[in-house]
Amino acid sequence: MRWVRNSARLGLRAVSYNSAAQGLKHTRPLPICVSSRTAVKAAERPTATDVSAGRPLRVCVVGSGPAGFYVTKYLLKEEAELGCEVVIDLVDRLPTPYGLVRFGVAPDHPEVKAVQNDFDQIASDARVSFFGNVCFGKDVSAAQLSELYDVVVLAYGAAGDRELTVPGADLEGVFAARAFVSWYNGHPDFANMSEEFAKALASSDTVAVVGVGNVALDCARILAKGKKDSRCGCWRFSAGW
């Protein structure tokens, strides 16, 4: 990892992720992106006549998780149809790519994380660059980004928790599954929660998990591996929660 030189136009400094294993390349200073909540429909896609002759179609994908990488993958495949080169910049708030594949899949599920191999191949393309530590809406604005890109896709997903509207949901020892999963996967936003989790787990050998989906079962399984005599139960409640 190294610092990309400041962009004089934006007054912005960004961290660029560079790894031989991931094959990510960065050859330009950080550009700007415009926002759009919907994928560009085939009939609305820019064509070669929409860009100046001799320059590539510039695309910014905000978010470098699975959605961002698959958008990148299929846009690259459209080069022949568009009749011009496509250059894509992946921008992410975090310093590393892959989103939930990196920070949302339990470490004992390597078969799920194997999709990173596909992302590695996409990232190794010379037409793709990654810029981390760039927060859309804070470090750069939509107005700025709209000036530098022909196409922009917002693919950063939802980052908030759905809170339980029940008494006691805000008590000490109650955590969102996202916080726990992110913590045991090494997400930088949750690196300081070790003491909180340790304190909560040390106070009781019983844990209740609300929900029985994939994430809930991941949490239960990881918790059960911590202590042989621990007890962990999962419950599914009505949609009113």
C-alpha atoms as a PDB file:
ATOM      1  CA  MET A   1       0.000   0.000   0.000  1.00  0.00           C
ATOM      2  CA  ARG A   2       1.191   3.528  -0.748  1.00  0.00           C
ATOM      3  CA  TRP A   3      -0.147   7.050  -0.911  1.00  0.00           C
ATOM      4  CA  VAL A   4      -1.367   8.250  -4.278  1.00  0.00           C
ATOM      5  CA  ARG A   5      -0.213  11.772  -5.018  1.00  0.00           C
ATOM      6  CA  ASN A   6      -2.676  14.523  -4.162  1.00  0.00           C
ATOM      7  CA  SER A   7      -5.157  15.618  -6.776  1.00  0.00           C
ATOM      8  CA  ALA A   8      -4.661  19.335  -7.258  1.00  0.00           C
ATOM      9  CA  ARG A   9      -8.207  19.719  -8.521  1.00  0.00           C
ATOM     10  CA  LEU A  10      -9.784  18.083  -5.494  1.00  0.00           C
ATOM     11  CA  GLY A  11      -7.274  18.735  -2.764  1.00  0.00           C
ATOM     12  CA  LEU A  12      -7.753  15.060  -1.944  1.00  0.00           C
ATOM     13  CA  ARG A  13      -5.316  12.426  -0.787  1.00  0.00           C
ATOM     14  CA  ALA A  14      -6.241   8.767  -1.124  1.00  0.00           C
ATOM     15  CA  VAL A  15      -4.727   5.453  -0.153  1.00  0.00           C
ATOM     16  CA  SER A  16      -4.146   3.074  -3.019  1.00  0.00           C
ATOM     17  CA  TYR A  17      -4.166  -0.672  -2.437  1.00  0.00           C
ATOM     18  CA  ASN A  18      -1.423  -2.505  -4.279  1.00  0.00           C
ATOM     19  CA  SER A  19      -0.749  -6.208  -3.923  1.00  0.00           C
ATOM     20  CA  ALA A  20       0.959  -8.636  -6.240  1.00  0.00           C
ATOM     21  CA  ALA A  21      -1.412 -11.321  -4.997  1.00  0.00           C
ATOM     22  CA  GLN A  22      -4.498  -9.281  -5.863  1.00  0.00           C
ATOM     23  CA  GLY A  23      -2.905  -7.769  -8.954  1.00  0.00           C
ATOM     24  CA  LEU A  24      -4.483  -4.362  -8.411  1.00  0.00           C
ATOM     25  CA  LYS A  25      -2.928  -1.590 -10.430  1.00  0.00           C
ATOM     26  CA  HIS A  26      -3.072   2.166 -10.031  1.00  0.00           C
ATOM     27  CA  THR A  27      -1.598   4.352 -12.730  1.00  0.00           C
ATOM     28  CA  ARG A  28      -3.473   7.611 -12.282  1.00  0.00           C
ATOM     29  CA  PRO A  29      -4.237  10.070  -9.464  1.00  0.00           C
ATOM     30  CA  LEU A  30      -7.664   9.741  -7.895  1.00  0.00           C
ATOM     31  CA  PRO A  31     -10.433  10.956 -10.196  1.00  0.00           C
ATOM     32  CA  ILE A  32     -13.983  11.801  -9.243  1.00  0.00           C
ATOM     33  CA  CYS A  33     -17.274  10.009  -9.675  1.00  0.00           C
ATOM     34  CA  VAL A  34     -20.939  10.895 -10.095  1.00  0.00           C
ATOM     35  CA  SER A  35     -23.650   8.994  -8.285  1.00  0.00           C
ATOM     36  CA  SER A  36     -26.537   6.936  -9.605  1.00  0.00           C
ATOM     37  CA  ARG A  37     -28.632   4.452  -7.656  1.00  0.00           C
ATOM     38  CA  THR A  38     -29.692   2.393 -10.642  1.00  0.00           C
ATOM     39  CA  ALA A  39     -27.655   0.327 -13.039  1.00  0.00           C
ATOM     40  CA  VAL A  40     -27.379   1.782 -16.506  1.00  0.00           C
ATOM     41  CA  LYS A  41     -29.881   0.070 -18.769  1.00  0.00           C
ATOM     42  CA  ALA A  42     -28.662  -1.264 -22.085  1.00  0.00           C
ATOM     43  CA  ALA A  43     -30.572   1.342 -24.073  1.00  0.00           C
ATOM     44  CA  GLU A  44     -29.136   4.157 -21.951  1.00  0.00           C
ATOM     45  CA  ARG A  45     -25.496   3.104 -22.009  1.00  0.00           C
ATOM     46  CA  PRO A  46     -23.113   5.677 -23.456  1.00  0.00           C
ATOM     47  CA  THR A  47     -21.808   4.787 -26.891  1.00  0.00           C
ATOM     48  CA  ALA A  48     -18.593   5.665 -28.670  1.00  0.00           C
ATOM     49  CA  THR A  49     -20.311   8.787 -30.016  1.00  0.00           C
ATOM     50  CA  ASP A  50     -20.808  10.063 -26.467  1.00  0.00           C
ATOM     51  CA  VAL A  51     -17.111  10.351 -25.706  1.00  0.00           C
ATOM     52  CA  SER A  52     -14.419  12.338 -27.404  1.00  0.00           C
ATOM     53  CA  ALA A  53     -12.466  10.511 -30.060  1.00  0.00           C
ATOM     54  CA  GLY A  54      -9.217   9.075 -28.790  1.00  0.00           C
ATOM     55  CA  ARG A  55     -10.120   8.783 -25.115  1.00  0.00           C
ATOM     56  CA  PRO A  56     -11.659   5.864 -23.211  1.00  0.00           C
ATOM     57  CA  LEU A  57     -15.071   5.736 -21.614  1.00  0.00           C
ATOM     58  CA  ARG A  58     -14.446   6.674 -17.974  1.00  0.00           C
ATOM     59  CA  VAL A  59     -16.429   4.722 -15.392  1.00  0.00           C
ATOM     60  CA  CYS A  60     -16.416   5.045 -11.608  1.00  0.00           C
ATOM     61  CA  VAL A  61     -17.797   2.276  -9.422  1.00  0.00           C
ATOM     62  CA  VAL A  62     -18.330   3.399  -5.826  1.00  0.00           C
ATOM     63  CA  GLY A  63     -17.929   0.329  -3.644  1.00  0.00           C
ATOM     64  CA  SER A  64     -15.548  -2.571  -4.158  1.00  0.00           C
ATOM     65  CA  GLY A  65     -17.581  -5.431  -2.755  1.00  0.00           C
ATOM     66  CA  PRO A  66     -19.211  -8.207  -4.811  1.00  0.00           C
ATOM     67  CA  ALA A  67     -21.675  -5.813  -6.488  1.00  0.00           C
ATOM     68  CA  GLY A  68     -18.904  -3.414  -7.469  1.00  0.00           C
ATOM     69  CA  PHE A  69     -16.685  -6.133  -8.883  1.00  0.00           C
ATOM     70  CA  TYR A  70     -19.454  -7.791 -10.885  1.00  0.00           C
ATOM     71  CA  VAL A  71     -20.472  -4.417 -12.329  1.00  0.00           C
ATOM     72  CA  THR A  72     -16.828  -3.951 -13.306  1.00  0.00           C
ATOM     73  CA  LYS A  73     -16.637  -7.425 -14.815  1.00  0.00           C
ATOM     74  CA  TYR A  74     -19.606  -6.971 -17.111  1.00  0.00           C
ATOM     75  CA  LEU A  75     -18.761  -3.402 -18.095  1.00  0.00           C
ATOM     76  CA  LEU A  76     -15.360  -4.589 -19.281  1.00  0.00           C
ATOM     77  CA  LYS A  77     -17.120  -7.153 -21.446  1.00  0.00           C
ATOM     78  CA  GLU A  78     -19.050  -4.348 -23.165  1.00  0.00           C
ATOM     79  CA  GLU A  79     -15.975  -2.802 -24.798  1.00  0.00           C
ATOM     80  CA  ALA A  80     -16.585  -4.409 -28.184  1.00  0.00           C
ATOM     81  CA  GLU A  81     -20.224  -3.311 -28.224  1.00  0.00           C
ATOM     82  CA  LEU A  82     -19.370   0.229 -27.124  1.00  0.00           C
ATOM     83  CA  GLY A  83     -16.639   0.568 -29.704  1.00  0.00           C
ATOM     84  CA  CYS A  84     -14.198   2.261 -27.333  1.00  0.00           C
ATOM     85  CA  GLU A  85     -11.880   1.384 -24.464  1.00  0.00           C
ATOM     86  CA  VAL A  86     -13.448   1.255 -21.001  1.00  0.00           C
ATOM     87  CA  VAL A  87     -11.406   2.419 -17.999  1.00  0.00           C
ATOM     88  CA  ILE A  88     -12.855   1.722 -14.551  1.00  0.00           C
ATOM     89  CA  ASP A  89     -11.927   3.160 -11.163  1.00  0.00           C
ATOM     90  CA  LEU A  90     -13.157   1.331  -8.067  1.00  0.00           C
ATOM     91  CA  VAL A  91     -13.485   3.702  -5.107  1.00  0.00           C
ATOM     92  CA  ASP A  92     -14.065   2.488  -1.564  1.00  0.00           C
ATOM     93  CA  ARG A  93     -14.260   3.950   1.925  1.00  0.00           C
ATOM     94  CA  LEU A  94     -12.067   1.132   3.237  1.00  0.00           C
ATOM     95  CA  PRO A  95      -8.367   0.711   2.413  1.00  0.00           C
ATOM     96  CA  THR A  96      -8.901  -2.797   1.016  1.00  0.00           C
ATOM     97  CA  PRO A  97     -11.340  -4.204  -1.562  1.00  0.00           C
ATOM     98  CA  TYR A  98     -13.824  -7.124  -1.627  1.00  0.00           C
ATOM     99  CA  GLY A  99     -16.361  -5.783   0.882  1.00  0.00           C
ATOM    100  CA  LEU A 100     -18.527  -8.467   2.477  1.00  0.00           C
ATOM    101  CA  VAL A 101     -16.531 -11.268   0.893  1.00  0.00           C
ATOM    102  CA  ARG A 102     -13.596 -10.114   3.005  1.00  0.00           C
ATOM    103  CA  PHE A 103     -15.424  -8.838   6.087  1.00  0.00           C
ATOM    104  CA  GLY A 104     -18.807 -10.592   6.085  1.00  0.00           C
ATOM    105  CA  VAL A 105     -18.050 -14.284   5.520  1.00  0.00           C
ATOM    106  CA  ALA A 106     -17.059 -16.489   8.441  1.00  0.00           C
ATOM    107  CA  PRO A 107     -13.364 -17.466   8.343  1.00  0.00           C
ATOM    108  CA  ASP A 108     -14.262 -21.168   8.432  1.00  0.00           C
ATOM    109  CA  HIS A 109     -16.114 -20.869   5.097  1.00  0.00           C
ATOM    110  CA  PRO A 110     -13.227 -20.777   2.607  1.00  0.00           C
ATOM    111  CA  GLU A 111     -15.449 -22.136  -0.158  1.00  0.00           C
ATOM    112  CA  VAL A 112     -17.552 -18.950  -0.003  1.00  0.00           C
ATOM    113  CA  LYS A 113     -14.521 -16.684   0.140  1.00  0.00           C
ATOM    114  CA  ALA A 114     -13.179 -18.460  -2.962  1.00  0.00           C
ATOM    115  CA  VAL A 115     -15.106 -15.955  -5.085  1.00  0.00           C
ATOM    116  CA  GLN A 116     -12.132 -13.674  -4.403  1.00  0.00           C
ATOM    117  CA  ASN A 117     -10.312 -15.639  -7.097  1.00  0.00           C
ATOM    118  CA  ASP A 118     -12.749 -14.219  -9.634  1.00  0.00           C
ATOM    119  CA  PHE A 119     -12.272 -10.740  -8.201  1.00  0.00           C
ATOM    120  CA  ASP A 120      -8.487 -11.157  -8.345  1.00  0.00           C
ATOM    121  CA  GLN A 121      -8.750 -11.814 -12.057  1.00  0.00           C
ATOM    122  CA  ILE A 122     -10.892  -8.715 -12.586  1.00  0.00           C
ATOM    123  CA  ALA A 123      -8.520  -6.601 -10.503  1.00  0.00           C
ATOM    124  CA  SER A 124      -5.506  -7.746 -12.503  1.00  0.00           C
ATOM    125  CA  ASP A 125      -6.942  -6.119 -15.645  1.00  0.00           C
ATOM    126  CA  ALA A 126      -4.873  -3.075 -16.651  1.00  0.00           C
ATOM    127  CA  ARG A 127      -8.098  -1.128 -17.240  1.00  0.00           C
ATOM    128  CA  VAL A 128      -9.070  -1.358 -13.560  1.00  0.00           C
ATOM    129  CA  SER A 129      -7.713   0.789 -10.716  1.00  0.00           C
ATOM    130  CA  PHE A 130      -8.597   0.761  -7.017  1.00  0.00           C
ATOM    131  CA  PHE A 131      -8.585   3.757  -4.674  1.00  0.00           C
ATOM    132  CA  GLY A 132      -9.241   3.163  -0.979  1.00  0.00           C
ATOM    133  CA  ASN A 133      -9.866   5.413   2.032  1.00  0.00           C
ATOM    134  CA  VAL A 134     -12.167   7.607  -0.055  1.00  0.00           C
ATOM    135  CA  CYS A 135     -15.581   8.298   1.478  1.00  0.00           C
ATOM    136  CA  PHE A 136     -18.206   9.261  -1.096  1.00  0.00           C
ATOM    137  CA  GLY A 137     -20.213  12.257   0.092  1.00  0.00           C
ATOM    138  CA  LYS A 138     -17.491  13.330   2.509  1.00  0.00           C
ATOM    139  CA  ASP A 139     -14.125  13.293   0.760  1.00  0.00           C
ATOM    140  CA  VAL A 140     -15.697  13.904  -2.640  1.00  0.00           C
ATOM    141  CA  SER A 141     -19.085  15.238  -3.708  1.00  0.00           C
ATOM    142  CA  ALA A 142     -21.441  14.130  -6.436  1.00  0.00           C
ATOM    143  CA  ALA A 143     -21.027  17.488  -8.161  1.00  0.00           C
ATOM    144  CA  GLN A 144     -17.261  17.039  -8.368  1.00  0.00           C
ATOM    145  CA  LEU A 145     -17.485  13.483  -9.551  1.00  0.00           C
ATOM    146  CA  SER A 146     -19.975  14.214 -12.295  1.00  0.00           C
ATOM    147  CA  GLU A 147     -17.386  16.347 -14.067  1.00  0.00           C
ATOM    148  CA  LEU A 148     -14.818  13.601 -14.490  1.00  0.00           C
ATOM    149  CA  TYR A 149     -16.744  10.429 -15.347  1.00  0.00           C
ATOM    150  CA  ASP A 150     -19.034   9.361 -18.148  1.00  0.00           C
ATOM    151  CA  VAL A 151     -20.735   6.655 -16.071  1.00  0.00           C
ATOM    152  CA  VAL A 152     -20.943   6.149 -12.314  1.00  0.00           C
ATOM    153  CA  VAL A 153     -22.501   3.267 -10.414  1.00  0.00           C
ATOM    154  CA  LEU A 154     -23.178   3.308  -6.670  1.00  0.00           C
ATOM    155  CA  ALA A 155     -22.533  -0.203  -5.414  1.00  0.00           C
ATOM    156  CA  TYR A 156     -21.585   0.391  -1.789  1.00  0.00           C
ATOM    157  CA  GLY A 157     -24.598  -1.337  -0.241  1.00  0.00           C
ATOM    158  CA  ALA A 158     -26.224  -0.732   3.132  1.00  0.00           C
ATOM    159  CA  ALA A 159     -23.917  -0.018   6.047  1.00  0.00           C
ATOM    160  CA  GLY A 160     -26.405   0.447   8.870  1.00  0.00           C
ATOM    161  CA  ASP A 161     -28.096  -1.940  11.286  1.00  0.00           C
ATOM    162  CA  ARG A 162     -31.801  -2.581  11.658  1.00  0.00           C
ATOM    163  CA  GLU A 163     -32.384  -2.016  15.344  1.00  0.00           C
ATOM    164  CA  LEU A 164     -34.747  -4.159  17.397  1.00  0.00           C
ATOM    165  CA  THR A 165     -37.679  -2.075  18.610  1.00  0.00           C
ATOM    166  CA  VAL A 166     -38.071  -4.004  21.861  1.00  0.00           C
ATOM    167  CA  PRO A 167     -37.331  -3.088  25.474  1.00  0.00           C
ATOM    168  CA  GLY A 168     -33.736  -3.843  26.408  1.00  0.00           C
ATOM    169  CA  ALA A 169     -32.348  -3.720  22.875  1.00  0.00           C
ATOM    170  CA  ASP A 170     -29.942  -0.986  23.959  1.00  0.00           C
ATOM    171  CA  LEU A 171     -28.646  -2.760  27.068  1.00  0.00           C
ATOM    172  CA  GLU A 172     -24.993  -3.590  27.594  1.00  0.00           C
ATOM    173  CA  GLY A 173     -24.092  -6.905  26.013  1.00  0.00           C
ATOM    174  CA  VAL A 174     -26.515  -6.560  23.095  1.00  0.00           C
ATOM    175  CA  PHE A 175     -24.742  -6.304  19.741  1.00  0.00           C
ATOM    176  CA  ALA A 176     -25.700  -6.205  16.100  1.00  0.00           C
ATOM    177  CA  ALA A 177     -24.620  -9.255  14.125  1.00  0.00           C
ATOM    178  CA  ARG A 178     -22.846  -6.946  11.675  1.00  0.00           C
ATOM    179  CA  ALA A 179     -20.596  -5.651  14.452  1.00  0.00           C
ATOM    180  CA  PHE A 180     -19.689  -9.148  15.652  1.00  0.00           C
ATOM    181  CA  VAL A 181     -19.078 -10.548  12.161  1.00  0.00           C
ATOM    182  CA  SER A 182     -17.040  -7.510  11.148  1.00  0.00           C
ATOM    183  CA  TRP A 183     -15.003  -7.733  14.332  1.00  0.00           C
ATOM    184  CA  TYR A 184     -13.982 -11.381  13.957  1.00  0.00           C
ATOM    185  CA  ASN A 185     -13.154 -10.727  10.296  1.00  0.00           C
ATOM    186  CA  GLY A 186     -10.824  -7.842  11.141  1.00  0.00           C
ATOM    187  CA  HIS A 187     -12.903  -4.941   9.818  1.00  0.00           C
ATOM    188  CA  PRO A 188     -11.044  -1.728  10.746  1.00  0.00           C
ATOM    189  CA  ASP A 189     -14.220   0.019  11.947  1.00  0.00           C
ATOM    190  CA  PHE A 190     -14.694  -2.625  14.655  1.00  0.00           C
ATOM    191  CA  ALA A 191     -11.103  -3.262  15.713  1.00  0.00           C
ATOM    192  CA  ASN A 192     -11.668  -1.511  19.046  1.00  0.00           C
ATOM    193  CA  MET A 193     -14.558  -3.747  20.131  1.00  0.00           C
ATOM    194  CA  SER A 194     -12.442  -6.622  21.445  1.00  0.00           C
ATOM    195  CA  GLU A 195     -12.785  -5.464  25.048  1.00  0.00           C
ATOM    196  CA  GLU A 196     -16.569  -5.057  24.777  1.00  0.00           C
ATOM    197  CA  PHE A 197     -17.075  -8.528  23.333  1.00  0.00           C
ATOM    198  CA  ALA A 198     -14.653 -10.100  25.815  1.00  0.00           C
ATOM    199  CA  LYS A 199     -16.464  -8.486  28.733  1.00  0.00           C
ATOM    200  CA  ALA A 200     -19.884  -9.599  27.498  1.00  0.00           C
ATOM    201  CA  LEU A 201     -18.801 -13.179  26.806  1.00  0.00           C
ATOM    202  CA  ALA A 202     -16.955 -13.470  30.116  1.00  0.00           C
ATOM    203  CA  SER A 203     -20.080 -12.525  32.059  1.00  0.00           C
ATOM    204  CA  SER A 204     -22.179 -15.436  30.773  1.00  0.00           C
ATOM    205  CA  ASP A 205     -21.914 -18.820  29.074  1.00  0.00           C
ATOM    206  CA  THR A 206     -25.286 -18.351  27.384  1.00  0.00           C
ATOM    207  CA  VAL A 207     -25.837 -16.346  24.211  1.00  0.00           C
ATOM    208  CA  ALA A 208     -29.120 -15.658  22.419  1.00  0.00           C
ATOM    209  CA  VAL A 209     -29.029 -14.969  18.685  1.00  0.00           C
ATOM    210  CA  VAL A 210     -32.088 -13.345  17.137  1.00  0.00           C
ATOM    211  CA  GLY A 211     -32.561 -14.800  13.671  1.00  0.00           C
ATOM    212  CA  VAL A 212     -31.804 -18.111  11.953  1.00  0.00           C
ATOM    213  CA  GLY A 213     -30.348 -16.937   8.661  1.00  0.00           C
ATOM    214  CA  ASN A 214     -26.824 -17.484   7.349  1.00  0.00           C
ATOM    215  CA  VAL A 215     -25.300 -14.652   9.369  1.00  0.00           C
ATOM    216  CA  ALA A 216     -27.081 -15.705  12.570  1.00  0.00           C
ATOM    217  CA  LEU A 217     -25.844 -19.281  12.197  1.00  0.00           C
ATOM    218  CA  ASP A 218     -22.322 -18.039  11.475  1.00  0.00           C
ATOM    219  CA  CYS A 219     -22.400 -16.052  14.715  1.00  0.00           C
ATOM    220  CA  ALA A 220     -23.731 -19.027  16.685  1.00  0.00           C
ATOM    221  CA  ARG A 221     -21.117 -21.374  15.244  1.00  0.00           C
ATOM    222  CA  ILE A 222     -18.212 -19.005  15.934  1.00  0.00           C
ATOM    223  CA  LEU A 223     -19.456 -18.389  19.476  1.00  0.00           C
ATOM    224  CA  ALA A 224     -19.855 -22.118  20.136  1.00  0.00           C
ATOM    225  CA  LYS A 225     -16.249 -22.711  19.125  1.00  0.00           C
ATOM    226  CA  GLY A 226     -15.019 -20.342  21.804  1.00  0.00           C
ATOM    227  CA  LYS A 227     -16.011 -22.374  24.858  1.00  0.00           C
ATOM    228  CA  LYS A 228     -16.813 -26.071  25.098  1.00  0.00           C
ATOM    229  CA  ASP A 229     -19.376 -25.469  27.828  1.00  0.00           C
ATOM    230  CA  SER A 230     -21.048 -22.463  26.204  1.00  0.00           C
ATOM    231  CA  ARG A 231     -24.688 -22.534  25.113  1.00  0.00           C
ATOM    232  CA  CYS A 232     -25.986 -20.603  22.131  1.00  0.00           C
ATOM    233  CA  GLY A 233     -29.581 -20.538  20.941  1.00  0.00           C
ATOM    234  CA  CYS A 234     -31.134 -18.986  17.829  1.00  0.00           C
ATOM    235  CA  TRP A 235     -34.679 -17.655  17.728  1.00  0.00           C
ATOM    236  CA  ARG A 236     -36.845 -16.392  14.927  1.00  0.00           C
ATOM    237  CA  PHE A 237     -39.434 -13.819  15.871  1.00  0.00           C
ATOM    238  CA  SER A 238     -42.320 -12.162  14.062  1.00  0.00           C
ATOM    239  CA  ALA A 239     -41.775  -9.606  11.314  1.00  0.00           C
ATOM    240  CA  GLY A 240     -42.834  -6.894  13.755  1.00  0.00           C
ATOM    241  CA  TRP A 241     -39.308  -6.962  15.112  1.00  0.00           C
END
